[in-house]
Amino acid sequence: MRQRLTYQNLRSNPYASYLFRERGPGYSGIRLHLKKINEETESPLISEITRKSLTPEEDRAKGPKYPVHFSIEKKFPRIGSGEQKDE
């Protein structure tokens, strides 16, 4: 994660949401409610996940990177509350 708006938001509020949409017909997928548990500044992980399409100079020009780790607080289906309705 670079120092952009999402990163700044996570610094003031450690909670985030993520929507994972599965390919195919319909509305399959899940919604995740996450909590930031760790942020790294110097890590070998950074070089492993860096896109290879940029030169090292272009990558440095875009600014520092921060691997951010999350825990899953809640998991929901893509559509609806995930609760069973009593009939």
N, C-alpha and C. Protein backbone atom coordinates (compact mmCIF):
# COMPACT_ATOMS: atom_id res chain seq x y z
N MET A 1 0.85 -1.16 0.00
CA MET A 1 0.00 0.00 0.00
C MET A 1 0.90 1.23 0.00
N ARG A 2 0.59 2.17 -0.85
CA ARG A 2 1.37 3.41 -0.90
C ARG A 2 0.67 4.49 -0.07
N GLN A 3 1.35 5.61 0.14
CA GLN A 3 0.78 6.71 0.93
C GLN A 3 -0.23 7.47 0.09
N ARG A 4 -1.42 6.92 0.04
CA ARG A 4 -2.52 7.57 -0.67
C ARG A 4 -3.70 7.64 0.29
N LEU A 5 -4.88 7.95 -0.22
CA LEU A 5 -6.04 8.19 0.62
C LEU A 5 -6.41 6.97 1.47
N THR A 6 -6.40 5.78 0.89
CA THR A 6 -6.75 4.58 1.65
C THR A 6 -5.79 4.38 2.82
N TYR A 7 -4.52 4.59 2.59
CA TYR A 7 -3.53 4.46 3.64
C TYR A 7 -3.78 5.49 4.75
N GLN A 8 -4.05 6.72 4.38
CA GLN A 8 -4.32 7.76 5.37
C GLN A 8 -5.59 7.43 6.17
N ASN A 9 -6.61 6.91 5.50
CA ASN A 9 -7.84 6.52 6.21
C ASN A 9 -7.56 5.42 7.22
N LEU A 10 -6.74 4.43 6.85
CA LEU A 10 -6.42 3.33 7.77
C LEU A 10 -5.59 3.79 8.96
N ARG A 11 -4.87 4.86 8.82
CA ARG A 11 -4.08 5.39 9.95
C ARG A 11 -5.01 6.00 11.01
N SER A 12 -6.15 6.54 10.60
CA SER A 12 -7.08 7.13 11.56
C SER A 12 -8.19 6.17 11.98
N ASN A 13 -8.47 5.16 11.16
CA ASN A 13 -9.52 4.19 11.46
C ASN A 13 -9.05 2.82 10.96
N PRO A 14 -8.77 1.88 11.86
CA PRO A 14 -8.19 0.61 11.44
C PRO A 14 -9.17 -0.37 10.79
N TYR A 15 -10.42 0.02 10.63
CA TYR A 15 -11.42 -0.88 10.05
C TYR A 15 -11.60 -0.62 8.57
N ALA A 16 -11.83 -1.70 7.83
CA ALA A 16 -12.01 -1.59 6.38
C ALA A 16 -12.99 -2.66 5.93
N SER A 17 -13.53 -2.49 4.74
CA SER A 17 -14.40 -3.49 4.13
C SER A 17 -13.84 -3.86 2.77
N TYR A 18 -14.08 -5.11 2.38
CA TYR A 18 -13.58 -5.59 1.10
C TYR A 18 -14.66 -6.45 0.47
N LEU A 19 -14.95 -6.20 -0.78
CA LEU A 19 -15.93 -6.98 -1.53
C LEU A 19 -15.18 -7.87 -2.52
N PHE A 20 -15.38 -9.17 -2.40
CA PHE A 20 -14.78 -10.12 -3.33
C PHE A 20 -15.88 -10.66 -4.21
N ARG A 21 -15.80 -10.38 -5.51
CA ARG A 21 -16.82 -10.83 -6.46
C ARG A 21 -16.27 -12.00 -7.24
N GLU A 22 -16.99 -13.11 -7.19
CA GLU A 22 -16.59 -14.29 -7.95
C GLU A 22 -17.07 -14.16 -9.39
N ARG A 23 -16.28 -14.69 -10.30
CA ARG A 23 -16.68 -14.68 -11.71
C ARG A 23 -17.84 -15.64 -11.91
N GLY A 24 -18.65 -15.33 -12.90
CA GLY A 24 -19.75 -16.21 -13.24
C GLY A 24 -21.06 -15.47 -13.12
N PRO A 25 -22.14 -16.18 -13.41
CA PRO A 25 -23.45 -15.55 -13.37
C PRO A 25 -23.91 -15.31 -11.93
N GLY A 26 -24.80 -14.36 -11.79
CA GLY A 26 -25.38 -14.11 -10.47
C GLY A 26 -24.51 -13.19 -9.62
N TYR A 27 -24.79 -13.27 -8.33
CA TYR A 27 -24.15 -12.37 -7.37
C TYR A 27 -23.30 -13.15 -6.38
N SER A 28 -22.46 -14.07 -6.85
CA SER A 28 -21.64 -14.83 -5.92
C SER A 28 -20.44 -14.01 -5.49
N GLY A 29 -20.05 -14.25 -4.27
CA GLY A 29 -18.91 -13.55 -3.69
C GLY A 29 -19.14 -13.34 -2.21
N ILE A 30 -18.23 -12.64 -1.57
CA ILE A 30 -18.36 -12.37 -0.13
C ILE A 30 -17.96 -10.93 0.16
N ARG A 31 -18.45 -10.45 1.30
CA ARG A 31 -18.04 -9.15 1.84
C ARG A 31 -17.29 -9.43 3.13
N LEU A 32 -16.14 -8.81 3.28
CA LEU A 32 -15.33 -8.99 4.47
C LEU A 32 -15.23 -7.68 5.24
N HIS A 33 -15.42 -7.76 6.54
CA HIS A 33 -15.17 -6.62 7.42
C HIS A 33 -13.84 -6.91 8.11
N LEU A 34 -12.87 -6.03 7.93
CA LEU A 34 -11.49 -6.26 8.33
C LEU A 34 -11.05 -5.28 9.40
N LYS A 35 -10.00 -5.68 10.13
CA LYS A 35 -9.35 -4.78 11.07
C LYS A 35 -7.85 -4.86 10.86
N LYS A 36 -7.22 -3.69 10.73
CA LYS A 36 -5.77 -3.64 10.55
C LYS A 36 -5.09 -4.11 11.83
N ILE A 37 -4.18 -5.08 11.68
CA ILE A 37 -3.50 -5.60 12.87
C ILE A 37 -2.01 -5.30 12.86
N ASN A 38 -1.45 -4.99 11.68
CA ASN A 38 -0.02 -4.75 11.61
C ASN A 38 0.30 -3.98 10.34
N GLU A 39 1.34 -3.19 10.42
CA GLU A 39 1.84 -2.45 9.26
C GLU A 39 3.37 -2.51 9.32
N GLU A 40 3.97 -2.80 8.20
CA GLU A 40 5.43 -2.90 8.14
C GLU A 40 6.00 -1.75 7.33
N THR A 41 7.18 -1.33 7.70
CA THR A 41 7.84 -0.28 6.92
C THR A 41 9.06 -0.82 6.19
N GLU A 42 9.77 -1.71 6.80
CA GLU A 42 10.93 -2.34 6.17
C GLU A 42 10.69 -3.84 6.19
N SER A 43 10.50 -4.42 5.03
CA SER A 43 10.18 -5.84 4.97
C SER A 43 10.64 -6.45 3.66
N PRO A 44 11.17 -7.68 3.70
CA PRO A 44 11.50 -8.36 2.44
C PRO A 44 10.26 -8.65 1.61
N LEU A 45 9.10 -8.65 2.25
CA LEU A 45 7.84 -8.87 1.55
C LEU A 45 7.60 -7.80 0.49
N ILE A 46 8.06 -6.60 0.73
CA ILE A 46 7.85 -5.50 -0.22
C ILE A 46 8.44 -5.84 -1.59
N SER A 47 9.65 -6.35 -1.61
CA SER A 47 10.26 -6.68 -2.92
C SER A 47 9.58 -7.87 -3.58
N GLU A 48 9.02 -8.77 -2.79
CA GLU A 48 8.32 -9.94 -3.36
C GLU A 48 7.03 -9.55 -4.05
N ILE A 49 6.32 -8.55 -3.52
CA ILE A 49 5.02 -8.20 -4.08
C ILE A 49 5.07 -6.98 -5.01
N THR A 50 6.25 -6.44 -5.24
CA THR A 50 6.39 -5.29 -6.13
C THR A 50 6.15 -5.70 -7.58
N ARG A 51 5.39 -4.90 -8.27
CA ARG A 51 5.14 -5.16 -9.69
C ARG A 51 6.44 -5.08 -10.47
N LYS A 52 6.62 -6.00 -11.35
CA LYS A 52 7.86 -6.04 -12.14
C LYS A 52 7.77 -5.16 -13.39
N SER A 53 6.61 -4.55 -13.63
CA SER A 53 6.46 -3.72 -14.83
C SER A 53 7.11 -2.35 -14.68
N LEU A 54 7.45 -1.97 -13.45
CA LEU A 54 8.10 -0.68 -13.22
C LEU A 54 9.60 -0.87 -13.06
N THR A 55 10.36 0.10 -13.52
CA THR A 55 11.79 0.07 -13.24
C THR A 55 11.97 0.45 -11.77
N PRO A 56 13.10 0.11 -11.16
CA PRO A 56 13.32 0.51 -9.76
C PRO A 56 13.21 2.03 -9.56
N GLU A 57 13.63 2.80 -10.53
CA GLU A 57 13.54 4.26 -10.44
C GLU A 57 12.09 4.73 -10.44
N GLU A 58 11.28 4.14 -11.35
CA GLU A 58 9.86 4.50 -11.41
C GLU A 58 9.15 4.11 -10.13
N ASP A 59 9.50 2.95 -9.59
CA ASP A 59 8.89 2.48 -8.36
C ASP A 59 9.22 3.41 -7.20
N ARG A 60 10.47 3.82 -7.07
CA ARG A 60 10.88 4.74 -6.00
C ARG A 60 10.19 6.10 -6.15
N ALA A 61 9.99 6.54 -7.38
CA ALA A 61 9.35 7.83 -7.62
C ALA A 61 7.89 7.84 -7.16
N LYS A 62 7.26 6.69 -7.11
CA LYS A 62 5.86 6.61 -6.67
C LYS A 62 5.73 6.69 -5.15
N GLY A 63 6.82 6.57 -4.42
CA GLY A 63 6.78 6.71 -2.97
C GLY A 63 6.93 5.39 -2.25
N PRO A 64 7.04 5.47 -0.91
CA PRO A 64 7.25 4.26 -0.11
C PRO A 64 6.03 3.34 -0.12
N LYS A 65 6.29 2.08 0.22
CA LYS A 65 5.22 1.06 0.28
C LYS A 65 5.14 0.53 1.71
N TYR A 66 3.94 0.14 2.10
CA TYR A 66 3.71 -0.39 3.44
C TYR A 66 2.85 -1.65 3.35
N PRO A 67 3.42 -2.83 3.60
CA PRO A 67 2.56 -4.01 3.70
C PRO A 67 1.67 -3.88 4.94
N VAL A 68 0.38 -4.05 4.76
CA VAL A 68 -0.58 -3.93 5.85
C VAL A 68 -1.27 -5.27 6.01
N HIS A 69 -1.37 -5.74 7.25
CA HIS A 69 -2.00 -7.02 7.56
C HIS A 69 -3.34 -6.78 8.25
N PHE A 70 -4.32 -7.61 7.89
CA PHE A 70 -5.67 -7.47 8.44
C PHE A 70 -6.11 -8.79 9.07
N SER A 71 -7.03 -8.68 10.02
CA SER A 71 -7.76 -9.86 10.51
C SER A 71 -9.19 -9.71 10.01
N ILE A 72 -9.85 -10.85 9.79
CA ILE A 72 -11.24 -10.83 9.33
C ILE A 72 -12.12 -10.77 10.57
N GLU A 73 -12.89 -9.70 10.69
CA GLU A 73 -13.80 -9.52 11.82
C GLU A 73 -15.15 -10.20 11.55
N LYS A 74 -15.67 -10.03 10.34
CA LYS A 74 -16.96 -10.62 9.96
C LYS A 74 -16.91 -10.98 8.48
N LYS A 75 -17.71 -11.97 8.12
CA LYS A 75 -17.80 -12.42 6.73
C LYS A 75 -19.28 -12.54 6.37
N PHE A 76 -19.69 -11.94 5.27
CA PHE A 76 -21.08 -11.94 4.82
C PHE A 76 -21.15 -12.37 3.36
N PRO A 77 -22.33 -12.86 2.93
CA PRO A 77 -22.50 -13.09 1.49
C PRO A 77 -22.49 -11.74 0.77
N ARG A 78 -22.29 -11.78 -0.52
CA ARG A 78 -22.22 -10.55 -1.30
C ARG A 78 -23.54 -9.78 -1.23
N ILE A 79 -24.65 -10.46 -1.22
CA ILE A 79 -25.96 -9.84 -1.17
C ILE A 79 -26.67 -10.31 0.11
N GLY A 80 -27.29 -9.40 0.84
CA GLY A 80 -28.06 -9.74 2.02
C GLY A 80 -27.24 -9.64 3.29
N SER A 81 -27.92 -9.95 4.42
CA SER A 81 -27.30 -9.82 5.73
C SER A 81 -26.58 -11.08 6.17
N GLY A 82 -26.87 -12.20 5.51
CA GLY A 82 -26.25 -13.46 5.91
C GLY A 82 -27.03 -14.17 6.99
N GLU A 83 -28.10 -13.56 7.47
CA GLU A 83 -28.92 -14.19 8.51
C GLU A 83 -30.06 -14.99 7.88
N GLN A 84 -30.36 -16.14 8.48
CA GLN A 84 -31.47 -16.96 8.04
C GLN A 84 -32.78 -16.34 8.52
N LYS A 85 -33.78 -16.29 7.64
CA LYS A 85 -35.10 -15.75 8.03
C LYS A 85 -35.96 -16.89 8.51
N ASP A 86 -36.66 -16.68 9.65
CA ASP A 86 -37.61 -17.68 10.15
C ASP A 86 -38.91 -17.55 9.37
N GLU A 87 -39.43 -18.72 8.98
CA GLU A 87 -40.68 -18.69 8.20
C GLU A 87 -41.82 -19.13 9.05
